[in-house]
N, C-alpha and C. Protein backbone atom coordinates (compact mmCIF):
# COMPACT_ATOMS: atom_id res chain seq x y z
N MET A 1 -20.92 -25.57 88.97
CA MET A 1 -20.35 -26.24 90.11
C MET A 1 -19.23 -27.17 89.65
N ARG A 2 -18.18 -27.20 90.40
CA ARG A 2 -17.00 -27.98 90.06
C ARG A 2 -17.13 -29.40 90.59
N HIS A 3 -16.80 -30.38 89.77
CA HIS A 3 -16.87 -31.77 90.19
C HIS A 3 -15.54 -32.16 90.82
N ARG A 4 -15.61 -32.67 92.03
CA ARG A 4 -14.41 -33.13 92.71
C ARG A 4 -14.41 -34.65 92.76
N SER A 5 -13.24 -35.22 92.57
CA SER A 5 -13.14 -36.67 92.69
C SER A 5 -13.18 -37.01 94.18
N LYS A 6 -13.81 -38.10 94.48
CA LYS A 6 -13.94 -38.51 95.87
C LYS A 6 -12.62 -39.14 96.32
N LYS A 7 -12.03 -38.55 97.35
CA LYS A 7 -10.77 -39.04 97.86
C LYS A 7 -11.03 -40.11 98.90
N VAL A 8 -10.34 -41.22 98.78
CA VAL A 8 -10.50 -42.31 99.72
C VAL A 8 -9.67 -41.99 100.96
N THR A 9 -10.32 -41.91 102.13
CA THR A 9 -9.60 -41.56 103.35
C THR A 9 -9.18 -42.78 104.16
N LEU A 10 -9.78 -43.92 103.92
CA LEU A 10 -9.48 -45.15 104.65
C LEU A 10 -9.58 -44.96 106.16
N ASP A 11 -10.42 -44.03 106.57
CA ASP A 11 -10.71 -43.75 107.97
C ASP A 11 -9.44 -43.42 108.77
N ARG A 12 -8.53 -42.64 108.13
CA ARG A 12 -7.29 -42.25 108.78
C ARG A 12 -7.00 -40.78 108.49
N ALA A 13 -6.20 -40.18 109.35
CA ALA A 13 -5.74 -38.81 109.11
C ALA A 13 -4.73 -38.83 107.95
N ARG A 14 -4.37 -37.67 107.46
CA ARG A 14 -3.54 -37.57 106.26
C ARG A 14 -2.18 -38.26 106.42
N GLY A 15 -1.48 -38.00 107.50
CA GLY A 15 -0.15 -38.57 107.70
C GLY A 15 -0.15 -40.08 107.78
N PRO A 16 -0.96 -40.66 108.68
CA PRO A 16 -1.01 -42.12 108.75
C PRO A 16 -1.50 -42.77 107.46
N ARG A 17 -2.41 -42.12 106.76
CA ARG A 17 -2.92 -42.66 105.49
C ARG A 17 -1.80 -42.69 104.45
N ARG A 18 -1.03 -41.62 104.36
CA ARG A 18 0.07 -41.56 103.40
C ARG A 18 1.12 -42.62 103.72
N ALA A 19 1.42 -42.82 105.01
CA ALA A 19 2.39 -43.83 105.41
C ALA A 19 1.89 -45.23 105.06
N LEU A 20 0.61 -45.49 105.33
CA LEU A 20 0.02 -46.78 105.01
C LEU A 20 0.10 -47.06 103.51
N LEU A 21 -0.29 -46.10 102.69
CA LEU A 21 -0.28 -46.29 101.25
C LEU A 21 1.14 -46.48 100.73
N ARG A 22 2.06 -45.69 101.26
CA ARG A 22 3.46 -45.80 100.84
C ARG A 22 4.01 -47.20 101.15
N ASN A 23 3.72 -47.71 102.34
CA ASN A 23 4.20 -49.04 102.70
C ASN A 23 3.52 -50.14 101.90
N LEU A 24 2.23 -50.00 101.62
CA LEU A 24 1.53 -50.99 100.81
C LEU A 24 2.08 -51.02 99.38
N VAL A 25 2.33 -49.84 98.82
CA VAL A 25 2.91 -49.77 97.47
C VAL A 25 4.27 -50.45 97.46
N GLY A 26 5.10 -50.17 98.46
CA GLY A 26 6.40 -50.82 98.55
C GLY A 26 6.29 -52.33 98.67
N ASP A 27 5.32 -52.80 99.45
CA ASP A 27 5.12 -54.25 99.60
C ASP A 27 4.69 -54.90 98.29
N VAL A 28 3.80 -54.25 97.56
CA VAL A 28 3.36 -54.81 96.27
C VAL A 28 4.53 -54.89 95.31
N LEU A 29 5.37 -53.86 95.28
CA LEU A 29 6.50 -53.86 94.35
C LEU A 29 7.56 -54.88 94.72
N ILE A 30 7.77 -55.11 96.01
CA ILE A 30 8.77 -56.09 96.44
C ILE A 30 8.24 -57.52 96.32
N LYS A 31 7.06 -57.78 96.88
CA LYS A 31 6.53 -59.14 96.92
C LYS A 31 5.75 -59.52 95.68
N GLU A 32 5.30 -58.52 94.91
CA GLU A 32 4.55 -58.67 93.66
C GLU A 32 3.14 -59.20 93.86
N LYS A 33 2.75 -59.49 95.10
CA LYS A 33 1.39 -59.97 95.36
C LYS A 33 1.11 -59.84 96.85
N ILE A 34 0.01 -59.14 97.22
CA ILE A 34 -0.37 -59.06 98.62
C ILE A 34 -1.89 -59.14 98.73
N ALA A 35 -2.35 -59.63 99.87
CA ALA A 35 -3.78 -59.66 100.17
C ALA A 35 -4.07 -58.53 101.14
N THR A 36 -5.06 -57.71 100.82
CA THR A 36 -5.44 -56.58 101.66
C THR A 36 -6.93 -56.34 101.47
N THR A 37 -7.45 -55.30 102.09
CA THR A 37 -8.87 -55.02 101.90
C THR A 37 -9.08 -54.45 100.50
N GLU A 38 -10.30 -54.59 100.03
CA GLU A 38 -10.62 -54.14 98.68
C GLU A 38 -10.43 -52.63 98.53
N ALA A 39 -10.79 -51.86 99.55
CA ALA A 39 -10.64 -50.41 99.49
C ALA A 39 -9.17 -50.00 99.39
N LYS A 40 -8.32 -50.66 100.16
CA LYS A 40 -6.89 -50.35 100.12
C LYS A 40 -6.29 -50.75 98.77
N ALA A 41 -6.72 -51.89 98.23
CA ALA A 41 -6.22 -52.34 96.94
C ALA A 41 -6.59 -51.34 95.84
N LYS A 42 -7.83 -50.84 95.88
CA LYS A 42 -8.26 -49.87 94.87
C LYS A 42 -7.53 -48.54 95.05
N ALA A 43 -7.16 -48.21 96.29
CA ALA A 43 -6.46 -46.95 96.54
C ALA A 43 -5.01 -47.00 96.07
N ILE A 44 -4.36 -48.16 96.18
CA ILE A 44 -2.94 -48.21 95.81
C ILE A 44 -2.70 -48.57 94.35
N ARG A 45 -3.71 -49.05 93.65
CA ARG A 45 -3.51 -49.42 92.25
C ARG A 45 -2.92 -48.28 91.41
N PRO A 46 -3.49 -47.06 91.43
CA PRO A 46 -2.89 -46.01 90.60
C PRO A 46 -1.49 -45.61 91.06
N LEU A 47 -1.21 -45.75 92.34
CA LEU A 47 0.12 -45.39 92.85
C LEU A 47 1.17 -46.39 92.36
N VAL A 48 0.83 -47.68 92.36
CA VAL A 48 1.76 -48.69 91.87
C VAL A 48 2.01 -48.49 90.38
N GLU A 49 0.94 -48.21 89.63
CA GLU A 49 1.08 -47.98 88.19
C GLU A 49 2.01 -46.79 87.91
N LYS A 50 1.85 -45.72 88.69
CA LYS A 50 2.68 -44.53 88.49
C LYS A 50 4.14 -44.81 88.82
N MET A 51 4.40 -45.61 89.85
CA MET A 51 5.78 -45.92 90.21
C MET A 51 6.47 -46.74 89.12
N ILE A 52 5.74 -47.70 88.54
CA ILE A 52 6.33 -48.51 87.46
C ILE A 52 6.57 -47.64 86.23
N THR A 53 5.62 -46.77 85.91
CA THR A 53 5.80 -45.88 84.76
C THR A 53 6.99 -44.95 84.99
N LEU A 54 7.15 -44.47 86.21
CA LEU A 54 8.28 -43.62 86.55
C LEU A 54 9.58 -44.40 86.41
N GLY A 55 9.60 -45.65 86.82
CA GLY A 55 10.79 -46.48 86.69
C GLY A 55 11.16 -46.76 85.25
N LYS A 56 10.16 -46.83 84.38
CA LYS A 56 10.41 -47.09 82.96
C LYS A 56 11.12 -45.93 82.28
N LYS A 57 11.00 -44.72 82.82
CA LYS A 57 11.67 -43.57 82.21
C LYS A 57 13.18 -43.73 82.26
N GLY A 58 13.70 -44.25 83.37
CA GLY A 58 15.12 -44.55 83.46
C GLY A 58 16.04 -43.37 83.65
N THR A 59 15.53 -42.19 83.91
CA THR A 59 16.38 -41.03 84.10
C THR A 59 16.83 -40.92 85.56
N LEU A 60 17.83 -40.10 85.79
CA LEU A 60 18.31 -39.87 87.14
C LEU A 60 17.22 -39.24 88.00
N ALA A 61 16.49 -38.31 87.41
CA ALA A 61 15.40 -37.65 88.14
C ALA A 61 14.32 -38.64 88.54
N SER A 62 13.99 -39.56 87.64
CA SER A 62 12.95 -40.54 87.97
C SER A 62 13.42 -41.50 89.06
N ARG A 63 14.70 -41.86 89.06
CA ARG A 63 15.22 -42.72 90.13
C ARG A 63 15.18 -42.02 91.47
N ARG A 64 15.50 -40.74 91.48
CA ARG A 64 15.46 -39.97 92.72
C ARG A 64 14.03 -39.82 93.24
N LEU A 65 13.08 -39.65 92.32
CA LEU A 65 11.68 -39.58 92.73
C LEU A 65 11.22 -40.91 93.32
N LEU A 66 11.65 -42.00 92.72
CA LEU A 66 11.30 -43.33 93.26
C LEU A 66 11.86 -43.50 94.66
N GLU A 67 13.12 -43.11 94.86
CA GLU A 67 13.73 -43.22 96.18
C GLU A 67 12.99 -42.37 97.21
N ALA A 68 12.51 -41.21 96.78
CA ALA A 68 11.82 -40.31 97.70
C ALA A 68 10.41 -40.81 98.03
N ARG A 69 9.75 -41.44 97.10
CA ARG A 69 8.35 -41.81 97.27
C ARG A 69 8.12 -43.21 97.80
N LEU A 70 9.14 -44.06 97.75
CA LEU A 70 8.98 -45.45 98.19
C LEU A 70 9.75 -45.68 99.48
N PRO A 71 9.32 -46.65 100.31
CA PRO A 71 10.04 -46.92 101.55
C PRO A 71 11.44 -47.47 101.27
N ARG A 72 12.27 -47.43 102.27
CA ARG A 72 13.68 -47.83 102.12
C ARG A 72 13.88 -49.33 102.25
N ASN A 73 13.19 -50.10 101.45
CA ASN A 73 13.36 -51.56 101.53
C ASN A 73 13.79 -52.16 100.20
N GLY A 74 14.39 -51.37 99.34
CA GLY A 74 14.87 -51.87 98.06
C GLY A 74 13.83 -51.86 96.95
N SER A 75 12.65 -51.34 97.23
CA SER A 75 11.60 -51.36 96.22
C SER A 75 11.92 -50.42 95.06
N ALA A 76 12.58 -49.29 95.33
CA ALA A 76 12.91 -48.36 94.25
C ALA A 76 13.91 -49.00 93.29
N MET A 77 14.88 -49.71 93.82
CA MET A 77 15.87 -50.36 92.96
C MET A 77 15.23 -51.47 92.13
N LYS A 78 14.31 -52.21 92.75
CA LYS A 78 13.64 -53.28 92.02
C LYS A 78 12.80 -52.72 90.88
N VAL A 79 12.12 -51.59 91.13
CA VAL A 79 11.32 -50.96 90.07
C VAL A 79 12.23 -50.52 88.94
N ALA A 80 13.32 -49.84 89.26
CA ALA A 80 14.20 -49.27 88.24
C ALA A 80 14.91 -50.35 87.41
N LYS A 81 15.26 -51.45 88.03
CA LYS A 81 16.03 -52.46 87.31
C LYS A 81 15.17 -53.59 86.75
N GLU A 82 14.46 -54.29 87.64
CA GLU A 82 13.75 -55.49 87.22
C GLU A 82 12.41 -55.20 86.56
N LEU A 83 11.55 -54.42 87.23
CA LEU A 83 10.19 -54.20 86.73
C LEU A 83 10.17 -53.31 85.48
N ALA A 84 11.07 -52.35 85.40
CA ALA A 84 11.11 -51.47 84.22
C ALA A 84 11.41 -52.27 82.97
N SER A 85 12.33 -53.22 83.06
CA SER A 85 12.65 -54.02 81.87
C SER A 85 11.54 -55.03 81.57
N ARG A 86 10.88 -55.54 82.61
CA ARG A 86 9.80 -56.50 82.41
C ARG A 86 8.61 -55.87 81.67
N TYR A 87 8.31 -54.61 82.01
CA TYR A 87 7.15 -53.93 81.42
C TYR A 87 7.53 -52.91 80.36
N ALA A 88 8.71 -53.05 79.75
CA ALA A 88 9.19 -52.07 78.78
C ALA A 88 8.25 -51.93 77.59
N THR A 89 7.65 -53.01 77.13
CA THR A 89 6.80 -52.95 75.95
C THR A 89 5.33 -52.75 76.29
N ARG A 90 5.00 -52.81 77.57
CA ARG A 90 3.60 -52.66 78.00
C ARG A 90 3.32 -51.20 78.30
N SER A 91 2.17 -50.70 77.86
CA SER A 91 1.88 -49.28 78.01
C SER A 91 0.90 -49.00 79.15
N GLY A 92 0.85 -49.86 80.14
CA GLY A 92 -0.03 -49.64 81.29
C GLY A 92 -0.70 -50.93 81.69
N GLY A 93 -1.48 -50.88 82.74
CA GLY A 93 -2.18 -52.06 83.21
C GLY A 93 -1.25 -53.07 83.82
N TYR A 94 -0.40 -52.62 84.76
CA TYR A 94 0.58 -53.50 85.36
C TYR A 94 0.03 -54.25 86.57
N VAL A 95 -1.15 -53.86 87.04
CA VAL A 95 -1.68 -54.38 88.30
C VAL A 95 -3.03 -55.04 88.07
N ARG A 96 -3.26 -56.15 88.79
CA ARG A 96 -4.53 -56.86 88.73
C ARG A 96 -5.08 -56.97 90.14
N ILE A 97 -6.39 -56.74 90.29
CA ILE A 97 -7.05 -56.89 91.58
C ILE A 97 -8.06 -58.04 91.46
N ILE A 98 -7.90 -59.03 92.33
CA ILE A 98 -8.79 -60.19 92.35
C ILE A 98 -9.52 -60.20 93.69
N LYS A 99 -10.83 -60.25 93.65
CA LYS A 99 -11.62 -60.26 94.89
C LYS A 99 -11.53 -61.62 95.56
N LEU A 100 -11.40 -61.58 96.89
CA LEU A 100 -11.31 -62.78 97.72
C LEU A 100 -12.52 -62.85 98.64
N PRO A 101 -12.72 -63.98 99.32
CA PRO A 101 -13.80 -64.07 100.31
C PRO A 101 -13.57 -63.07 101.45
N SER A 102 -14.63 -62.73 102.12
CA SER A 102 -14.55 -61.77 103.23
C SER A 102 -13.68 -62.31 104.36
N ARG A 103 -13.07 -61.39 105.11
CA ARG A 103 -12.23 -61.76 106.24
C ARG A 103 -13.11 -62.29 107.37
N PRO A 104 -12.76 -63.43 107.95
CA PRO A 104 -13.62 -64.04 108.96
C PRO A 104 -13.83 -63.18 110.21
N GLY A 105 -12.83 -62.46 110.66
CA GLY A 105 -12.93 -61.73 111.91
C GLY A 105 -13.95 -60.62 111.90
N ASP A 106 -13.90 -59.76 110.88
CA ASP A 106 -14.78 -58.59 110.85
C ASP A 106 -15.63 -58.49 109.59
N GLY A 107 -15.48 -59.44 108.68
CA GLY A 107 -16.31 -59.44 107.49
C GLY A 107 -15.87 -58.45 106.43
N ALA A 108 -14.64 -57.91 106.54
CA ALA A 108 -14.16 -56.94 105.56
C ALA A 108 -13.96 -57.61 104.21
N ARG A 109 -14.31 -56.89 103.15
CA ARG A 109 -14.13 -57.43 101.80
C ARG A 109 -12.64 -57.40 101.47
N MET A 110 -12.11 -58.54 101.08
CA MET A 110 -10.69 -58.69 100.83
C MET A 110 -10.41 -58.77 99.33
N ALA A 111 -9.18 -58.46 98.97
CA ALA A 111 -8.76 -58.53 97.56
C ALA A 111 -7.28 -58.88 97.50
N LEU A 112 -6.90 -59.51 96.42
CA LEU A 112 -5.50 -59.82 96.14
C LEU A 112 -5.05 -58.84 95.07
N ILE A 113 -4.01 -58.07 95.35
CA ILE A 113 -3.47 -57.15 94.34
C ILE A 113 -2.12 -57.70 93.93
N GLU A 114 -1.92 -57.86 92.62
CA GLU A 114 -0.70 -58.46 92.13
C GLU A 114 -0.26 -57.80 90.83
N LEU A 115 1.03 -57.93 90.55
CA LEU A 115 1.57 -57.44 89.29
C LEU A 115 1.26 -58.46 88.21
N VAL A 116 0.93 -57.98 87.04
CA VAL A 116 0.54 -58.85 85.93
C VAL A 116 1.78 -59.51 85.34
């Protein structure tokens, strides 16, 4: 039997989930720190890491991929110019997740996701 990794659906259909993740990744890259639910933070961590790694390559193809995968708010340019040089000597682990108290309204577990 084949082992499948459990995909996090965040209780959304494929299109809205992809849009949500894309926008959250863009927000993390632009603001460098956001508070969101723990499940969303864990879902976007590998995506943010991949975008920074892609930006570190510095090729034309990698810049085009960043433009295609990130929202149009300047996040691709920030990754290619500022973050790539900041993490040039680091070989991974660009993101930190810190657990926060639960949200008062619905009791959702919250987390702070930030760039190291």
